[in-house]
Each structure stands twice: as C-alpha cells, then as structure tokens.
Amino acid sequence: MDHDDARDNIDPDGFQTPYTNLPPLPRDPDESLQTIRARLTYQSRKRGILETDLLLSTFAKEFLGKMTLDECKRFDKFLDEPDWDIY
C-alpha cells in the first residue's frame, strides 16, 4: 500500500493510518479512570523516540488530569500510532 492509499484507511475515531494490519493493544474494560490516566502518563513518557516522548509527556502532564474518560480513550487510541506518524 502506498502513502496515497492510506488516506482511505480512516477508523471511526478519525485516525488515518496505513498500518491496518497492526491489531490494537488489549485493554482492560474495567480499568478505572485513575488507572487509565496513570497508564497513559507512563506510555506518553516511554515511547522510544526522545522527541515524541517529550511532546507527549508534556501534553500528558498538562492535560491528562482534566480529560474525561472519553477523551482519555481517544488519547489512548492515538498512542497506538507509531512514533514516526505522531512526530
């Protein structure tokens, strides 16, 4: 699939990715909002590419505490994207 074909792969949340073969990470359906925020904070800091770590951890520090459950779920789905797509 070339880059132009990727525009057709938009999921229901509006994220566009050419990586349709990567399954989403399993999530605990009973995870509390506090636990989700803690996990997202960690995942925002420990990604592998320093620049992405800095961008996402700064965002998480500023906004995660104010985010609703639905917003946290969208951010969680966003974090499934590869670093090179986020950066």
PDB file of N, CA and C in Angstrom:
ATOM      1  N   MET A   1       0.852  -1.169   0.000  1.00  0.00           N
ATOM      2  CA  MET A   1       0.000   0.000   0.000  1.00  0.00           C
ATOM      3  C   MET A   1       0.898   1.231   0.000  1.00  0.00           C
ATOM      4  N   ASP A   2       0.659   2.152  -0.918  1.00  0.00           N
ATOM      5  CA  ASP A   2       1.463   3.365  -0.902  1.00  0.00           C
ATOM      6  C   ASP A   2       0.807   4.419  -0.018  1.00  0.00           C
ATOM      7  N   HIS A   3       1.496   5.522   0.163  1.00  0.00           N
ATOM      8  CA  HIS A   3       1.040   6.549   1.105  1.00  0.00           C
ATOM      9  C   HIS A   3      -0.320   7.125   0.711  1.00  0.00           C
ATOM     10  N   ASP A   4      -0.578   7.273  -0.598  1.00  0.00           N
ATOM     11  CA  ASP A   4      -1.855   7.823  -1.033  1.00  0.00           C
ATOM     12  C   ASP A   4      -3.021   6.894  -0.701  1.00  0.00           C
ATOM     13  N   ASP A   5      -2.781   5.578  -0.746  1.00  0.00           N
ATOM     14  CA  ASP A   5      -3.827   4.623  -0.393  1.00  0.00           C
ATOM     15  C   ASP A   5      -4.192   4.694   1.080  1.00  0.00           C
ATOM     16  N   ALA A   6      -3.265   5.174   1.905  1.00  0.00           N
ATOM     17  CA  ALA A   6      -3.502   5.251   3.341  1.00  0.00           C
ATOM     18  C   ALA A   6      -4.627   6.209   3.671  1.00  0.00           C
ATOM     19  N   ARG A   7      -4.906   7.162   2.801  1.00  0.00           N
ATOM     20  CA  ARG A   7      -5.971   8.132   3.074  1.00  0.00           C
ATOM     21  C   ARG A   7      -7.331   7.472   3.159  1.00  0.00           C
ATOM     22  N   ASP A   8      -7.453   6.309   2.554  1.00  0.00           N
ATOM     23  CA  ASP A   8      -8.723   5.584   2.599  1.00  0.00           C
ATOM     24  C   ASP A   8      -8.905   4.819   3.902  1.00  0.00           C
ATOM     25  N   ASN A   9      -7.856   4.654   4.693  1.00  0.00           N
ATOM     26  CA  ASN A   9      -7.911   3.875   5.925  1.00  0.00           C
ATOM     27  C   ASN A   9      -8.109   4.790   7.119  1.00  0.00           C
ATOM     28  N   ILE A  10      -9.320   5.253   7.296  1.00  0.00           N
ATOM     29  CA  ILE A  10      -9.642   6.120   8.425  1.00  0.00           C
ATOM     30  C   ILE A  10     -10.589   5.348   9.328  1.00  0.00           C
ATOM     31  N   ASP A  11     -10.187   5.237  10.600  1.00  0.00           N
ATOM     32  CA  ASP A  11     -11.018   4.477  11.524  1.00  0.00           C
ATOM     33  C   ASP A  11     -12.168   5.347  12.032  1.00  0.00           C
ATOM     34  N   PRO A  12     -13.103   4.796  12.804  1.00  0.00           N
ATOM     35  CA  PRO A  12     -14.273   5.553  13.272  1.00  0.00           C
ATOM     36  C   PRO A  12     -13.918   6.781  14.110  1.00  0.00           C
ATOM     37  N   ASP A  13     -12.745   6.802  14.751  1.00  0.00           N
ATOM     38  CA  ASP A  13     -12.349   7.965  15.546  1.00  0.00           C
ATOM     39  C   ASP A  13     -11.639   9.019  14.717  1.00  0.00           C
ATOM     40  N   GLY A  14     -11.475   8.779  13.428  1.00  0.00           N
ATOM     41  CA  GLY A  14     -10.878   9.761  12.548  1.00  0.00           C
ATOM     42  C   GLY A  14      -9.382   9.646  12.380  1.00  0.00           C
ATOM     43  N   PHE A  15      -8.765   8.643  12.976  1.00  0.00           N
ATOM     44  CA  PHE A  15      -7.330   8.469  12.809  1.00  0.00           C
ATOM     45  C   PHE A  15      -7.064   7.783  11.479  1.00  0.00           C
ATOM     46  N   GLN A  16      -6.069   8.276  10.793  1.00  0.00           N
ATOM     47  CA  GLN A  16      -5.705   7.736   9.485  1.00  0.00           C
ATOM     48  C   GLN A  16      -4.378   7.009   9.614  1.00  0.00           C
ATOM     49  N   THR A  17      -4.340   5.785   9.174  1.00  0.00           N
ATOM     50  CA  THR A  17      -3.098   5.022   9.288  1.00  0.00           C
ATOM     51  C   THR A  17      -2.971   4.011   8.163  1.00  0.00           C
ATOM     52  N   PRO A  18      -1.756   3.847   7.638  1.00  0.00           N
ATOM     53  CA  PRO A  18      -1.536   2.786   6.665  1.00  0.00           C
ATOM     54  C   PRO A  18      -1.280   1.443   7.331  1.00  0.00           C
ATOM     55  N   TYR A  19      -1.278   1.388   8.658  1.00  0.00           N
ATOM     56  CA  TYR A  19      -0.920   0.185   9.399  1.00  0.00           C
ATOM     57  C   TYR A  19      -2.154  -0.580   9.833  1.00  0.00           C
ATOM     58  N   THR A  20      -2.984  -0.932   8.879  1.00  0.00           N
ATOM     59  CA  THR A  20      -4.236  -1.615   9.205  1.00  0.00           C
ATOM     60  C   THR A  20      -4.013  -3.034   9.708  1.00  0.00           C
ATOM     61  N   ASN A  21      -2.812  -3.583   9.476  1.00  0.00           N
ATOM     62  CA  ASN A  21      -2.567  -4.959   9.900  1.00  0.00           C
ATOM     63  C   ASN A  21      -2.125  -5.048  11.360  1.00  0.00           C
ATOM     64  N   LEU A  22      -1.884  -3.936  12.019  1.00  0.00           N
ATOM     65  CA  LEU A  22      -1.489  -3.966  13.425  1.00  0.00           C
ATOM     66  C   LEU A  22      -2.734  -4.008  14.303  1.00  0.00           C
ATOM     67  N   PRO A  23      -2.868  -5.038  15.118  1.00  0.00           N
ATOM     68  CA  PRO A  23      -4.047  -5.105  15.994  1.00  0.00           C
ATOM     69  C   PRO A  23      -3.915  -4.106  17.138  1.00  0.00           C
ATOM     70  N   PRO A  24      -5.032  -3.590  17.632  1.00  0.00           N
ATOM     71  CA  PRO A  24      -4.973  -2.698  18.790  1.00  0.00           C
ATOM     72  C   PRO A  24      -4.513  -3.467  20.025  1.00  0.00           C
ATOM     73  N   LEU A  25      -3.878  -2.761  20.922  1.00  0.00           N
ATOM     74  CA  LEU A  25      -3.447  -3.381  22.173  1.00  0.00           C
ATOM     75  C   LEU A  25      -4.660  -3.744  23.007  1.00  0.00           C
ATOM     76  N   PRO A  26      -4.616  -4.863  23.717  1.00  0.00           N
ATOM     77  CA  PRO A  26      -5.756  -5.225  24.570  1.00  0.00           C
ATOM     78  C   PRO A  26      -5.899  -4.243  25.724  1.00  0.00           C
ATOM     79  N   ARG A  27      -7.117  -3.937  26.069  1.00  0.00           N
ATOM     80  CA  ARG A  27      -7.413  -3.014  27.162  1.00  0.00           C
ATOM     81  C   ARG A  27      -8.315  -3.718  28.172  1.00  0.00           C
ATOM     82  N   ASP A  28      -8.138  -3.377  29.428  1.00  0.00           N
ATOM     83  CA  ASP A  28      -8.999  -3.901  30.486  1.00  0.00           C
ATOM     84  C   ASP A  28     -10.288  -3.083  30.487  1.00  0.00           C
ATOM     85  N   PRO A  29     -11.430  -3.674  30.175  1.00  0.00           N
ATOM     86  CA  PRO A  29     -12.675  -2.905  30.123  1.00  0.00           C
ATOM     87  C   PRO A  29     -13.101  -2.343  31.477  1.00  0.00           C
ATOM     88  N   ASP A  30     -12.576  -2.896  32.576  1.00  0.00           N
ATOM     89  CA  ASP A  30     -12.947  -2.423  33.909  1.00  0.00           C
ATOM     90  C   ASP A  30     -11.911  -1.466  34.501  1.00  0.00           C
ATOM     91  N   GLU A  31     -10.982  -0.999  33.702  1.00  0.00           N
ATOM     92  CA  GLU A  31      -9.923  -0.108  34.172  1.00  0.00           C
ATOM     93  C   GLU A  31     -10.520   1.231  34.612  1.00  0.00           C
ATOM     94  N   SER A  32     -10.143   1.685  35.793  1.00  0.00           N
ATOM     95  CA  SER A  32     -10.677   2.946  36.317  1.00  0.00           C
ATOM     96  C   SER A  32     -10.034   4.127  35.595  1.00  0.00           C
ATOM     97  N   LEU A  33     -10.684   5.288  35.666  1.00  0.00           N
ATOM     98  CA  LEU A  33     -10.158   6.498  35.043  1.00  0.00           C
ATOM     99  C   LEU A  33      -8.788   6.852  35.627  1.00  0.00           C
ATOM    100  N   GLN A  34      -8.622   6.681  36.920  1.00  0.00           N
ATOM    101  CA  GLN A  34      -7.340   6.961  37.571  1.00  0.00           C
ATOM    102  C   GLN A  34      -6.235   6.040  37.012  1.00  0.00           C
ATOM    103  N   THR A  35      -6.553   4.774  36.840  1.00  0.00           N
ATOM    104  CA  THR A  35      -5.581   3.824  36.293  1.00  0.00           C
ATOM    105  C   THR A  35      -5.278   4.130  34.833  1.00  0.00           C
ATOM    106  N   ILE A  36      -6.296   4.489  34.067  1.00  0.00           N
ATOM    107  CA  ILE A  36      -6.096   4.863  32.661  1.00  0.00           C
ATOM    108  C   ILE A  36      -5.157   6.054  32.577  1.00  0.00           C
ATOM    109  N   ARG A  37      -5.397   7.066  33.404  1.00  0.00           N
ATOM    110  CA  ARG A  37      -4.533   8.257  33.383  1.00  0.00           C
ATOM    111  C   ARG A  37      -3.097   7.910  33.753  1.00  0.00           C
ATOM    112  N   ALA A  38      -2.908   7.048  34.733  1.00  0.00           N
ATOM    113  CA  ALA A  38      -1.552   6.632  35.133  1.00  0.00           C
ATOM    114  C   ALA A  38      -0.870   5.873  34.000  1.00  0.00           C
ATOM    115  N   ARG A  39      -1.595   4.966  33.354  1.00  0.00           N
ATOM    116  CA  ARG A  39      -1.033   4.203  32.247  1.00  0.00           C
ATOM    117  C   ARG A  39      -0.687   5.107  31.075  1.00  0.00           C
ATOM    118  N   LEU A  40      -1.576   6.047  30.751  1.00  0.00           N
ATOM    119  CA  LEU A  40      -1.324   6.956  29.639  1.00  0.00           C
ATOM    120  C   LEU A  40      -0.141   7.884  29.933  1.00  0.00           C
ATOM    121  N   THR A  41       0.009   8.286  31.185  1.00  0.00           N
ATOM    122  CA  THR A  41       1.163   9.103  31.563  1.00  0.00           C
ATOM    123  C   THR A  41       2.444   8.329  31.306  1.00  0.00           C
ATOM    124  N   TYR A  42       2.478   7.090  31.732  1.00  0.00           N
ATOM    125  CA  TYR A  42       3.658   6.255  31.525  1.00  0.00           C
ATOM    126  C   TYR A  42       3.909   6.037  30.034  1.00  0.00           C
ATOM    127  N   GLN A  43       2.864   5.680  29.289  1.00  0.00           N
ATOM    128  CA  GLN A  43       3.016   5.411  27.863  1.00  0.00           C
ATOM    129  C   GLN A  43       3.425   6.658  27.090  1.00  0.00           C
ATOM    130  N   SER A  44       3.060   7.824  27.578  1.00  0.00           N
ATOM    131  CA  SER A  44       3.454   9.076  26.926  1.00  0.00           C
ATOM    132  C   SER A  44       4.934   9.369  27.116  1.00  0.00           C
ATOM    133  N   ARG A  45       5.506   8.883  28.216  1.00  0.00           N
ATOM    134  CA  ARG A  45       6.914   9.152  28.521  1.00  0.00           C
ATOM    135  C   ARG A  45       7.851   8.106  27.964  1.00  0.00           C
ATOM    136  N   LYS A  46       7.407   6.899  27.787  1.00  0.00           N
ATOM    137  CA  LYS A  46       8.281   5.773  27.436  1.00  0.00           C
ATOM    138  C   LYS A  46       7.913   5.197  26.070  1.00  0.00           C
ATOM    139  N   ARG A  47       8.188   5.937  25.010  1.00  0.00           N
ATOM    140  CA  ARG A  47       7.787   5.510  23.674  1.00  0.00           C
ATOM    141  C   ARG A  47       8.944   4.977  22.857  1.00  0.00           C
ATOM    142  N   GLY A  48      10.122   5.546  23.033  1.00  0.00           N
ATOM    143  CA  GLY A  48      11.272   5.060  22.278  1.00  0.00           C
ATOM    144  C   GLY A  48      11.990   6.145  21.510  1.00  0.00           C
ATOM    145  N   ILE A  49      11.265   7.121  20.994  1.00  0.00           N
ATOM    146  CA  ILE A  49      11.881   8.247  20.301  1.00  0.00           C
ATOM    147  C   ILE A  49      11.800   9.448  21.228  1.00  0.00           C
ATOM    148  N   LEU A  50      12.945  10.022  21.564  1.00  0.00           N
ATOM    149  CA  LEU A  50      13.013  11.089  22.562  1.00  0.00           C
ATOM    150  C   LEU A  50      12.098  12.261  22.223  1.00  0.00           C
ATOM    151  N   GLU A  51      12.082  12.676  20.972  1.00  0.00           N
ATOM    152  CA  GLU A  51      11.257  13.827  20.593  1.00  0.00           C
ATOM    153  C   GLU A  51       9.777  13.561  20.840  1.00  0.00           C
ATOM    154  N   THR A  52       9.332  12.372  20.511  1.00  0.00           N
ATOM    155  CA  THR A  52       7.931  12.019  20.752  1.00  0.00           C
ATOM    156  C   THR A  52       7.663  11.915  22.249  1.00  0.00           C
ATOM    157  N   ASP A  53       8.607  11.349  22.997  1.00  0.00           N
ATOM    158  CA  ASP A  53       8.476  11.280  24.460  1.00  0.00           C
ATOM    159  C   ASP A  53       8.268  12.674  25.046  1.00  0.00           C
ATOM    160  N   LEU A  54       9.070  13.622  24.604  1.00  0.00           N
ATOM    161  CA  LEU A  54       8.990  14.990  25.130  1.00  0.00           C
ATOM    162  C   LEU A  54       7.659  15.650  24.784  1.00  0.00           C
ATOM    163  N   LEU A  55       7.235  15.511  23.551  1.00  0.00           N
ATOM    164  CA  LEU A  55       5.965  16.117  23.132  1.00  0.00           C
ATOM    165  C   LEU A  55       4.784  15.529  23.905  1.00  0.00           C
ATOM    166  N   LEU A  56       4.715  14.202  23.930  1.00  0.00           N
ATOM    167  CA  LEU A  56       3.557  13.550  24.543  1.00  0.00           C
ATOM    168  C   LEU A  56       3.560  13.648  26.060  1.00  0.00           C
ATOM    169  N   SER A  57       4.740  13.558  26.680  1.00  0.00           N
ATOM    170  CA  SER A  57       4.768  13.644  28.144  1.00  0.00           C
ATOM    171  C   SER A  57       4.411  15.055  28.617  1.00  0.00           C
ATOM    172  N   THR A  58       4.822  16.068  27.858  1.00  0.00           N
ATOM    173  CA  THR A  58       4.447  17.448  28.195  1.00  0.00           C
ATOM    174  C   THR A  58       2.945  17.643  28.058  1.00  0.00           C
ATOM    175  N   PHE A  59       2.375  17.106  26.975  1.00  0.00           N
ATOM    176  CA  PHE A  59       0.927  17.170  26.779  1.00  0.00           C
ATOM    177  C   PHE A  59       0.201  16.446  27.910  1.00  0.00           C
ATOM    178  N   ALA A  60       0.658  15.244  28.231  1.00  0.00           N
ATOM    179  CA  ALA A  60       0.014  14.443  29.275  1.00  0.00           C
ATOM    180  C   ALA A  60       0.061  15.152  30.630  1.00  0.00           C
ATOM    181  N   LYS A  61       1.203  15.726  30.952  1.00  0.00           N
ATOM    182  CA  LYS A  61       1.342  16.424  32.234  1.00  0.00           C
ATOM    183  C   LYS A  61       0.362  17.595  32.332  1.00  0.00           C
ATOM    184  N   GLU A  62       0.169  18.281  31.222  1.00  0.00           N
ATOM    185  CA  GLU A  62      -0.701  19.460  31.206  1.00  0.00           C
ATOM    186  C   GLU A  62      -2.189  19.111  31.175  1.00  0.00           C
ATOM    187  N   PHE A  63      -2.570  18.088  30.426  1.00  0.00           N
ATOM    188  CA  PHE A  63      -3.985  17.885  30.130  1.00  0.00           C
ATOM    189  C   PHE A  63      -4.625  16.606  30.651  1.00  0.00           C
ATOM    190  N   LEU A  64      -3.859  15.556  30.930  1.00  0.00           N
ATOM    191  CA  LEU A  64      -4.479  14.277  31.303  1.00  0.00           C
ATOM    192  C   LEU A  64      -5.359  14.381  32.542  1.00  0.00           C
ATOM    193  N   GLY A  65      -4.951  15.164  33.503  1.00  0.00           N
ATOM    194  CA  GLY A  65      -5.735  15.301  34.730  1.00  0.00           C
ATOM    195  C   GLY A  65      -7.098  15.933  34.518  1.00  0.00           C
ATOM    196  N   LYS A  66      -7.268  16.643  33.409  1.00  0.00           N
ATOM    197  CA  LYS A  66      -8.528  17.329  33.102  1.00  0.00           C
ATOM    198  C   LYS A  66      -9.391  16.571  32.095  1.00  0.00           C
ATOM    199  N   MET A  67      -8.832  15.505  31.519  1.00  0.00           N
ATOM    200  CA  MET A  67      -9.535  14.804  30.449  1.00  0.00           C
ATOM    201  C   MET A  67     -10.628  13.879  30.987  1.00  0.00           C
ATOM    202  N   THR A  68     -11.717  13.819  30.240  1.00  0.00           N
ATOM    203  CA  THR A  68     -12.815  12.911  30.574  1.00  0.00           C
ATOM    204  C   THR A  68     -12.422  11.489  30.182  1.00  0.00           C
ATOM    205  N   LEU A  69     -13.236  10.534  30.557  1.00  0.00           N
ATOM    206  CA  LEU A  69     -12.994   9.142  30.195  1.00  0.00           C
ATOM    207  C   LEU A  69     -12.957   8.981  28.675  1.00  0.00           C
ATOM    208  N   ASP A  70     -13.899   9.606  27.970  1.00  0.00           N
ATOM    209  CA  ASP A  70     -13.947   9.506  26.520  1.00  0.00           C
ATOM    210  C   ASP A  70     -12.695  10.131  25.892  1.00  0.00           C
ATOM    211  N   GLU A  71     -12.259  11.259  26.393  1.00  0.00           N
ATOM    212  CA  GLU A  71     -11.048  11.899  25.880  1.00  0.00           C
ATOM    213  C   GLU A  71      -9.812  11.035  26.137  1.00  0.00           C
ATOM    214  N   CYS A  72      -9.770  10.414  27.306  1.00  0.00           N
ATOM    215  CA  CYS A  72      -8.656   9.515  27.625  1.00  0.00           C
ATOM    216  C   CYS A  72      -8.631   8.323  26.670  1.00  0.00           C
ATOM    217  N   LYS A  73      -9.800   7.797  26.346  1.00  0.00           N
ATOM    218  CA  LYS A  73      -9.870   6.661  25.421  1.00  0.00           C
ATOM    219  C   LYS A  73      -9.385   7.061  24.034  1.00  0.00           C
ATOM    220  N   ARG A  74      -9.721   8.265  23.607  1.00  0.00           N
ATOM    221  CA  ARG A  74      -9.244   8.746  22.298  1.00  0.00           C
ATOM    222  C   ARG A  74      -7.736   8.950  22.316  1.00  0.00           C
ATOM    223  N   PHE A  75      -7.210   9.501  23.410  1.00  0.00           N
ATOM    224  CA  PHE A  75      -5.762   9.688  23.535  1.00  0.00           C
ATOM    225  C   PHE A  75      -5.066   8.325  23.568  1.00  0.00           C
ATOM    226  N   ASP A  76      -5.670   7.377  24.255  1.00  0.00           N
ATOM    227  CA  ASP A  76      -5.138   6.020  24.322  1.00  0.00           C
ATOM    228  C   ASP A  76      -5.041   5.430  22.916  1.00  0.00           C
ATOM    229  N   LYS A  77      -6.079   5.592  22.134  1.00  0.00           N
ATOM    230  CA  LYS A  77      -6.075   5.085  20.755  1.00  0.00           C
ATOM    231  C   LYS A  77      -5.010   5.814  19.928  1.00  0.00           C
ATOM    232  N   PHE A  78      -4.860   7.099  20.144  1.00  0.00           N
ATOM    233  CA  PHE A  78      -3.834   7.874  19.448  1.00  0.00           C
ATOM    234  C   PHE A  78      -2.442   7.336  19.760  1.00  0.00           C
ATOM    235  N   LEU A  79      -2.206   6.936  21.007  1.00  0.00           N
ATOM    236  CA  LEU A  79      -0.899   6.421  21.403  1.00  0.00           C
ATOM    237  C   LEU A  79      -0.574   5.075  20.743  1.00  0.00           C
ATOM    238  N   ASP A  80      -1.565   4.421  20.152  1.00  0.00           N
ATOM    239  CA  ASP A  80      -1.309   3.185  19.408  1.00  0.00           C
ATOM    240  C   ASP A  80      -0.588   3.464  18.091  1.00  0.00           C
ATOM    241  N   GLU A  81      -0.620   4.717  17.644  1.00  0.00           N
ATOM    242  CA  GLU A  81       0.039   5.081  16.389  1.00  0.00           C
ATOM    243  C   GLU A  81       1.556   5.011  16.558  1.00  0.00           C
ATOM    244  N   PRO A  82       2.265   4.684  15.491  1.00  0.00           N
ATOM    245  CA  PRO A  82       3.729   4.647  15.556  1.00  0.00           C
ATOM    246  C   PRO A  82       4.315   6.037  15.820  1.00  0.00           C
ATOM    247  N   ASP A  83       5.438   6.067  16.506  1.00  0.00           N
ATOM    248  CA  ASP A  83       6.092   7.338  16.837  1.00  0.00           C
ATOM    249  C   ASP A  83       6.328   8.193  15.603  1.00  0.00           C
ATOM    250  N   TRP A  84       6.770   7.590  14.516  1.00  0.00           N
ATOM    251  CA  TRP A  84       7.109   8.375  13.336  1.00  0.00           C
ATOM    252  C   TRP A  84       5.881   9.030  12.716  1.00  0.00           C
ATOM    253  N   ASP A  85       4.690   8.499  12.958  1.00  0.00           N
ATOM    254  CA  ASP A  85       3.467   9.144  12.486  1.00  0.00           C
ATOM    255  C   ASP A  85       3.038  10.273  13.420  1.00  0.00           C
ATOM    256  N   ILE A  86       3.255  10.095  14.704  1.00  0.00           N
ATOM    257  CA  ILE A  86       2.883  11.120  15.687  1.00  0.00           C
ATOM    258  C   ILE A  86       3.794  12.332  15.562  1.00  0.00           C
ATOM    259  N   TYR A  87       5.097  12.075  15.463  1.00  0.00           N
ATOM    260  CA  TYR A  87       6.057  13.167  15.431  1.00  0.00           C
ATOM    261  C   TYR A  87       5.957  13.924  14.124  1.00  0.00           C
TER     262      TYR A  87
END
